[in-house]
C-alpha cells in the first residue's frame, strides 16, 4: 500500500510539475486533479497501438485508391 501511494504521488508530481515544462504539453488543474489522473496511467497502451496500426493501414489503402482514382501524385518533401 505504501508503495502504491508513493507511486501515485510521484505520478501526480510528474503531471503537475514536469509535464507542463515540456513544450506543447499542458495540464490545467490542481495537484488533487493530478492525483486523480495517477491511477489511469498504469493501463497498457498495446491494445490502443494495435488499433491505431490497423487504422493506419486502412487509411493508407484508402489514400492509394483515391490517388489512383483522381490521378494525384504523392507529395515529395524537399
C-alpha atoms as a PDB file:
ATOM      1  CA  UNK A   1       0.000   0.000   0.000  1.00  0.00           C
ATOM      2  CA  UNK A   2       2.833   2.381   0.826  1.00  0.00           C
ATOM      3  CA  UNK A   3       4.467   1.590  -2.485  1.00  0.00           C
ATOM      4  CA  UNK A   4       1.229   2.388  -4.315  1.00  0.00           C
ATOM      5  CA  UNK A   5       0.873   5.745  -2.526  1.00  0.00           C
ATOM      6  CA  UNK A   6       4.470   6.694  -3.304  1.00  0.00           C
ATOM      7  CA  UNK A   7       3.951   5.767  -6.952  1.00  0.00           C
ATOM      8  CA  UNK A   8       0.707   7.744  -7.053  1.00  0.00           C
ATOM      9  CA  UNK A   9       2.333  10.857  -5.580  1.00  0.00           C
ATOM     10  CA  UNK A  10       5.295  10.595  -7.976  1.00  0.00           C
ATOM     11  CA  UNK A  11       2.983  10.194 -10.976  1.00  0.00           C
ATOM     12  CA  UNK A  12       0.880  13.157  -9.840  1.00  0.00           C
ATOM     13  CA  UNK A  13       4.043  15.196  -9.347  1.00  0.00           C
ATOM     14  CA  UNK A  14       5.106  14.401 -12.894  1.00  0.00           C
ATOM     15  CA  UNK A  15       1.739  15.562 -14.255  1.00  0.00           C
ATOM     16  CA  UNK A  16       1.719  18.681 -12.117  1.00  0.00           C
ATOM     17  CA  UNK A  17       5.371  19.799 -12.200  1.00  0.00           C
ATOM     18  CA  UNK A  18       7.302  18.086 -15.017  1.00  0.00           C
ATOM     19  CA  UNK A  19       4.898  17.703 -17.950  1.00  0.00           C
ATOM     20  CA  UNK A  20       3.934  21.428 -18.144  1.00  0.00           C
ATOM     21  CA  UNK A  21       7.624  22.261 -18.665  1.00  0.00           C
ATOM     22  CA  UNK A  22       7.618  20.275 -21.932  1.00  0.00           C
ATOM     23  CA  UNK A  23       6.653  22.485 -24.907  1.00  0.00           C
ATOM     24  CA  UNK A  24       3.192  21.599 -26.191  1.00  0.00           C
ATOM     25  CA  UNK A  25       2.074  19.774 -23.029  1.00  0.00           C
ATOM     26  CA  UNK A  26      -0.457  21.494 -20.818  1.00  0.00           C
ATOM     27  CA  UNK A  27      -2.077  20.462 -17.572  1.00  0.00           C
ATOM     28  CA  UNK A  28      -4.837  22.656 -16.197  1.00  0.00           C
ATOM     29  CA  UNK A  29      -5.718  21.696 -12.665  1.00  0.00           C
ATOM     30  CA  UNK A  30      -4.542  21.419  -9.116  1.00  0.00           C
ATOM     31  CA  UNK A  31      -2.333  18.793  -7.546  1.00  0.00           C
ATOM     32  CA  UNK A  32      -5.509  16.995  -6.418  1.00  0.00           C
ATOM     33  CA  UNK A  33      -6.604  16.726 -10.046  1.00  0.00           C
ATOM     34  CA  UNK A  34      -3.196  15.242 -10.871  1.00  0.00           C
ATOM     35  CA  UNK A  35      -3.688  12.686  -8.091  1.00  0.00           C
ATOM     36  CA  UNK A  36      -6.913  11.659  -9.810  1.00  0.00           C
ATOM     37  CA  UNK A  37      -5.056  11.034 -13.077  1.00  0.00           C
ATOM     38  CA  UNK A  38      -2.444   8.800 -11.449  1.00  0.00           C
ATOM     39  CA  UNK A  39      -4.399   5.510 -11.284  1.00  0.00           C
ATOM     40  CA  UNK A  40      -5.198   5.647 -15.019  1.00  0.00           C
ATOM     41  CA  UNK A  41      -1.562   5.807 -16.161  1.00  0.00           C
ATOM     42  CA  UNK A  42      -0.925   2.120 -15.406  1.00  0.00           C
ATOM     43  CA  UNK A  43      -3.040   0.824 -18.277  1.00  0.00           C
ATOM     44  CA  UNK A  44      -1.258  -0.851 -21.144  1.00  0.00           C
ATOM     45  CA  UNK A  45      -1.167   1.022 -24.431  1.00  0.00           C
ATOM     46  CA  UNK A  46      -0.628  -2.130 -26.519  1.00  0.00           C
ATOM     47  CA  UNK A  47      -4.323  -2.552 -27.496  1.00  0.00           C
ATOM     48  CA  UNK A  48      -4.526   1.106 -28.493  1.00  0.00           C
ATOM     49  CA  UNK A  49      -1.335   0.810 -30.536  1.00  0.00           C
ATOM     50  CA  UNK A  50      -2.702  -2.218 -32.392  1.00  0.00           C
ATOM     51  CA  UNK A  51      -5.956  -0.399 -33.179  1.00  0.00           C
ATOM     52  CA  UNK A  52      -4.001   2.597 -34.471  1.00  0.00           C
ATOM     53  CA  UNK A  53      -1.850   0.351 -36.668  1.00  0.00           C
ATOM     54  CA  UNK A  54      -4.978  -1.213 -38.207  1.00  0.00           C
ATOM     55  CA  UNK A  55      -6.467   2.253 -38.730  1.00  0.00           C
ATOM     56  CA  UNK A  56      -3.236   3.497 -40.321  1.00  0.00           C
ATOM     57  CA  UNK A  57      -3.109   0.519 -42.690  1.00  0.00           C
ATOM     58  CA  UNK A  58      -6.724   1.105 -43.752  1.00  0.00           C
ATOM     59  CA  UNK A  59      -6.069   4.819 -44.188  1.00  0.00           C
ATOM     60  CA  UNK A  60      -3.103   4.089 -46.494  1.00  0.00           C
ATOM     61  CA  UNK A  61      -5.284   1.759 -48.578  1.00  0.00           C
ATOM     62  CA  UNK A  62      -7.960   4.429 -48.964  1.00  0.00           C
ATOM     63  CA  UNK A  63      -5.295   7.013 -49.783  1.00  0.00           C
ATOM     64  CA  UNK A  64      -3.877   4.791 -52.527  1.00  0.00           C
ATOM     65  CA  UNK A  65      -7.322   4.202 -54.056  1.00  0.00           C
ATOM     66  CA  UNK A  66      -8.169   7.914 -54.066  1.00  0.00           C
ATOM     67  CA  UNK A  67      -4.794   8.865 -55.549  1.00  0.00           C
ATOM     68  CA  UNK A  68      -5.278   6.372 -58.405  1.00  0.00           C
ATOM     69  CA  UNK A  69      -8.879   7.437 -58.955  1.00  0.00           C
ATOM     70  CA  UNK A  70      -8.145  11.161 -59.092  1.00  0.00           C
ATOM     71  CA  UNK A  71      -4.598  10.943 -60.536  1.00  0.00           C
ATOM     72  CA  UNK A  72      -2.979  12.633 -57.561  1.00  0.00           C
ATOM     73  CA  UNK A  73       0.783  12.308 -57.252  1.00  0.00           C
ATOM     74  CA  UNK A  74       2.400  11.782 -53.884  1.00  0.00           C
ATOM     75  CA  UNK A  75       3.807  14.931 -52.357  1.00  0.00           C
ATOM     76  CA  UNK A  76       7.576  14.917 -52.244  1.00  0.00           C
ATOM     77  CA  UNK A  77       9.324  16.718 -49.452  1.00  0.00           C
ATOM     78  CA  UNK A  78      12.366  18.724 -50.439  1.00  0.00           C
END
